[in-house]
Amino acid sequence: MGAGAPRQLTAIKWGVGANIVAAWLVTIPAAAVVAWIAYAILHTAGL
């Protein structure tokens, strides 16, 4: 996928792209939850 990808679409390993998308779908919401928890703790502590 991306620059230097083979010209034939059948030669592309689509599973790699699916793994990348799945990782982003987990990582971004998880980061949001961690940020919200940190904000809630600091806001409650008055910092």
N, C-alpha and C. Protein backbone atom coordinates (compact mmCIF):
# COMPACT_ATOMS: atom_id res chain seq x y z
N MET A 1 0.83 -1.18 0.00
CA MET A 1 0.00 0.00 0.00
C MET A 1 0.88 1.24 0.00
N GLY A 2 0.44 2.26 -0.70
CA GLY A 2 1.18 3.52 -0.69
C GLY A 2 2.21 3.59 -1.80
N ALA A 3 3.18 4.45 -1.59
CA ALA A 3 4.21 4.67 -2.61
C ALA A 3 4.98 3.38 -2.85
N GLY A 4 5.23 3.10 -4.09
CA GLY A 4 5.98 1.91 -4.44
C GLY A 4 5.15 0.64 -4.44
N ALA A 5 3.84 0.78 -4.32
CA ALA A 5 2.98 -0.40 -4.32
C ALA A 5 2.99 -1.03 -5.71
N PRO A 6 2.82 -2.33 -5.77
CA PRO A 6 2.78 -3.00 -7.08
C PRO A 6 1.62 -2.47 -7.93
N ARG A 7 1.78 -2.57 -9.22
CA ARG A 7 0.73 -2.07 -10.11
C ARG A 7 -0.51 -2.95 -10.08
N GLN A 8 -0.36 -4.21 -9.77
CA GLN A 8 -1.51 -5.11 -9.73
C GLN A 8 -2.14 -5.05 -8.34
N LEU A 9 -3.44 -4.80 -8.28
CA LEU A 9 -4.13 -4.72 -7.00
C LEU A 9 -4.13 -6.05 -6.27
N THR A 10 -4.03 -7.14 -7.02
CA THR A 10 -4.03 -8.45 -6.38
C THR A 10 -2.73 -8.72 -5.64
N ALA A 11 -1.67 -7.98 -5.96
CA ALA A 11 -0.38 -8.19 -5.31
C ALA A 11 -0.26 -7.45 -3.98
N ILE A 12 -1.19 -6.55 -3.70
CA ILE A 12 -1.14 -5.77 -2.46
C ILE A 12 -1.63 -6.63 -1.30
N LYS A 13 -0.94 -6.57 -0.19
CA LYS A 13 -1.35 -7.31 1.00
C LYS A 13 -2.36 -6.46 1.77
N TRP A 14 -3.64 -6.64 1.46
CA TRP A 14 -4.70 -5.83 2.05
C TRP A 14 -4.84 -6.08 3.55
N GLY A 15 -4.39 -7.24 4.02
CA GLY A 15 -4.48 -7.54 5.45
C GLY A 15 -3.67 -6.56 6.28
N VAL A 16 -2.55 -6.09 5.73
CA VAL A 16 -1.72 -5.12 6.45
C VAL A 16 -2.49 -3.82 6.64
N GLY A 17 -3.15 -3.37 5.59
CA GLY A 17 -3.95 -2.15 5.69
C GLY A 17 -5.10 -2.31 6.67
N ALA A 18 -5.71 -3.48 6.67
CA ALA A 18 -6.81 -3.74 7.61
C ALA A 18 -6.30 -3.71 9.05
N ASN A 19 -5.10 -4.23 9.27
CA ASN A 19 -4.53 -4.19 10.62
C ASN A 19 -4.24 -2.76 11.06
N ILE A 20 -3.78 -1.94 10.14
CA ILE A 20 -3.50 -0.54 10.46
C ILE A 20 -4.79 0.19 10.82
N VAL A 21 -5.84 -0.02 10.04
CA VAL A 21 -7.12 0.63 10.32
C VAL A 21 -7.67 0.15 11.66
N ALA A 22 -7.59 -1.14 11.93
CA ALA A 22 -8.08 -1.68 13.20
C ALA A 22 -7.30 -1.08 14.37
N ALA A 23 -6.00 -0.92 14.21
CA ALA A 23 -5.19 -0.34 15.27
C ALA A 23 -5.61 1.10 15.55
N TRP A 24 -5.88 1.87 14.51
CA TRP A 24 -6.33 3.25 14.69
C TRP A 24 -7.70 3.32 15.34
N LEU A 25 -8.57 2.37 14.98
CA LEU A 25 -9.92 2.37 15.58
C LEU A 25 -9.87 2.05 17.07
N VAL A 26 -8.83 1.38 17.51
CA VAL A 26 -8.67 1.09 18.94
C VAL A 26 -7.87 2.20 19.62
N THR A 27 -6.81 2.68 18.98
CA THR A 27 -5.89 3.62 19.60
C THR A 27 -6.51 4.99 19.86
N ILE A 28 -7.21 5.53 18.88
CA ILE A 28 -7.74 6.89 19.03
C ILE A 28 -8.78 6.98 20.16
N PRO A 29 -9.78 6.09 20.22
CA PRO A 29 -10.71 6.18 21.35
C PRO A 29 -10.02 5.89 22.70
N ALA A 30 -9.05 4.98 22.71
CA ALA A 30 -8.34 4.70 23.96
C ALA A 30 -7.57 5.93 24.44
N ALA A 31 -6.95 6.64 23.52
CA ALA A 31 -6.23 7.87 23.89
C ALA A 31 -7.20 8.93 24.41
N ALA A 32 -8.37 9.00 23.82
CA ALA A 32 -9.37 9.96 24.28
C ALA A 32 -9.83 9.63 25.70
N VAL A 33 -10.01 8.36 25.98
CA VAL A 33 -10.42 7.95 27.33
C VAL A 33 -9.33 8.27 28.35
N VAL A 34 -8.09 7.99 28.02
CA VAL A 34 -6.99 8.29 28.94
C VAL A 34 -6.90 9.79 29.18
N ALA A 35 -7.04 10.60 28.13
CA ALA A 35 -6.99 12.05 28.28
C ALA A 35 -8.14 12.55 29.14
N TRP A 36 -9.32 11.99 28.95
CA TRP A 36 -10.49 12.41 29.74
C TRP A 36 -10.29 12.07 31.22
N ILE A 37 -9.74 10.87 31.49
CA ILE A 37 -9.49 10.48 32.88
C ILE A 37 -8.45 11.40 33.52
N ALA A 38 -7.39 11.71 32.79
CA ALA A 38 -6.37 12.62 33.31
C ALA A 38 -6.96 14.00 33.58
N TYR A 39 -7.77 14.49 32.66
CA TYR A 39 -8.42 15.80 32.85
C TYR A 39 -9.33 15.78 34.07
N ALA A 40 -10.12 14.71 34.21
CA ALA A 40 -11.05 14.62 35.34
C ALA A 40 -10.31 14.61 36.66
N ILE A 41 -9.20 13.87 36.73
CA ILE A 41 -8.42 13.82 37.97
C ILE A 41 -7.82 15.18 38.27
N LEU A 42 -7.20 15.81 37.28
CA LEU A 42 -6.56 17.11 37.51
C LEU A 42 -7.60 18.19 37.79
N HIS A 43 -8.73 18.16 37.14
CA HIS A 43 -9.77 19.15 37.35
C HIS A 43 -10.36 19.01 38.76
N THR A 44 -10.57 17.76 39.19
CA THR A 44 -11.09 17.51 40.53
C THR A 44 -10.09 17.96 41.60
N ALA A 45 -8.81 17.78 41.33
CA ALA A 45 -7.78 18.17 42.28
C ALA A 45 -7.55 19.68 42.28
N GLY A 46 -8.17 20.38 41.35
CA GLY A 46 -8.03 21.83 41.30
C GLY A 46 -6.76 22.30 40.63
N LEU A 47 -6.17 21.44 39.83
CA LEU A 47 -4.93 21.82 39.14
C LEU A 47 -5.21 22.30 37.73
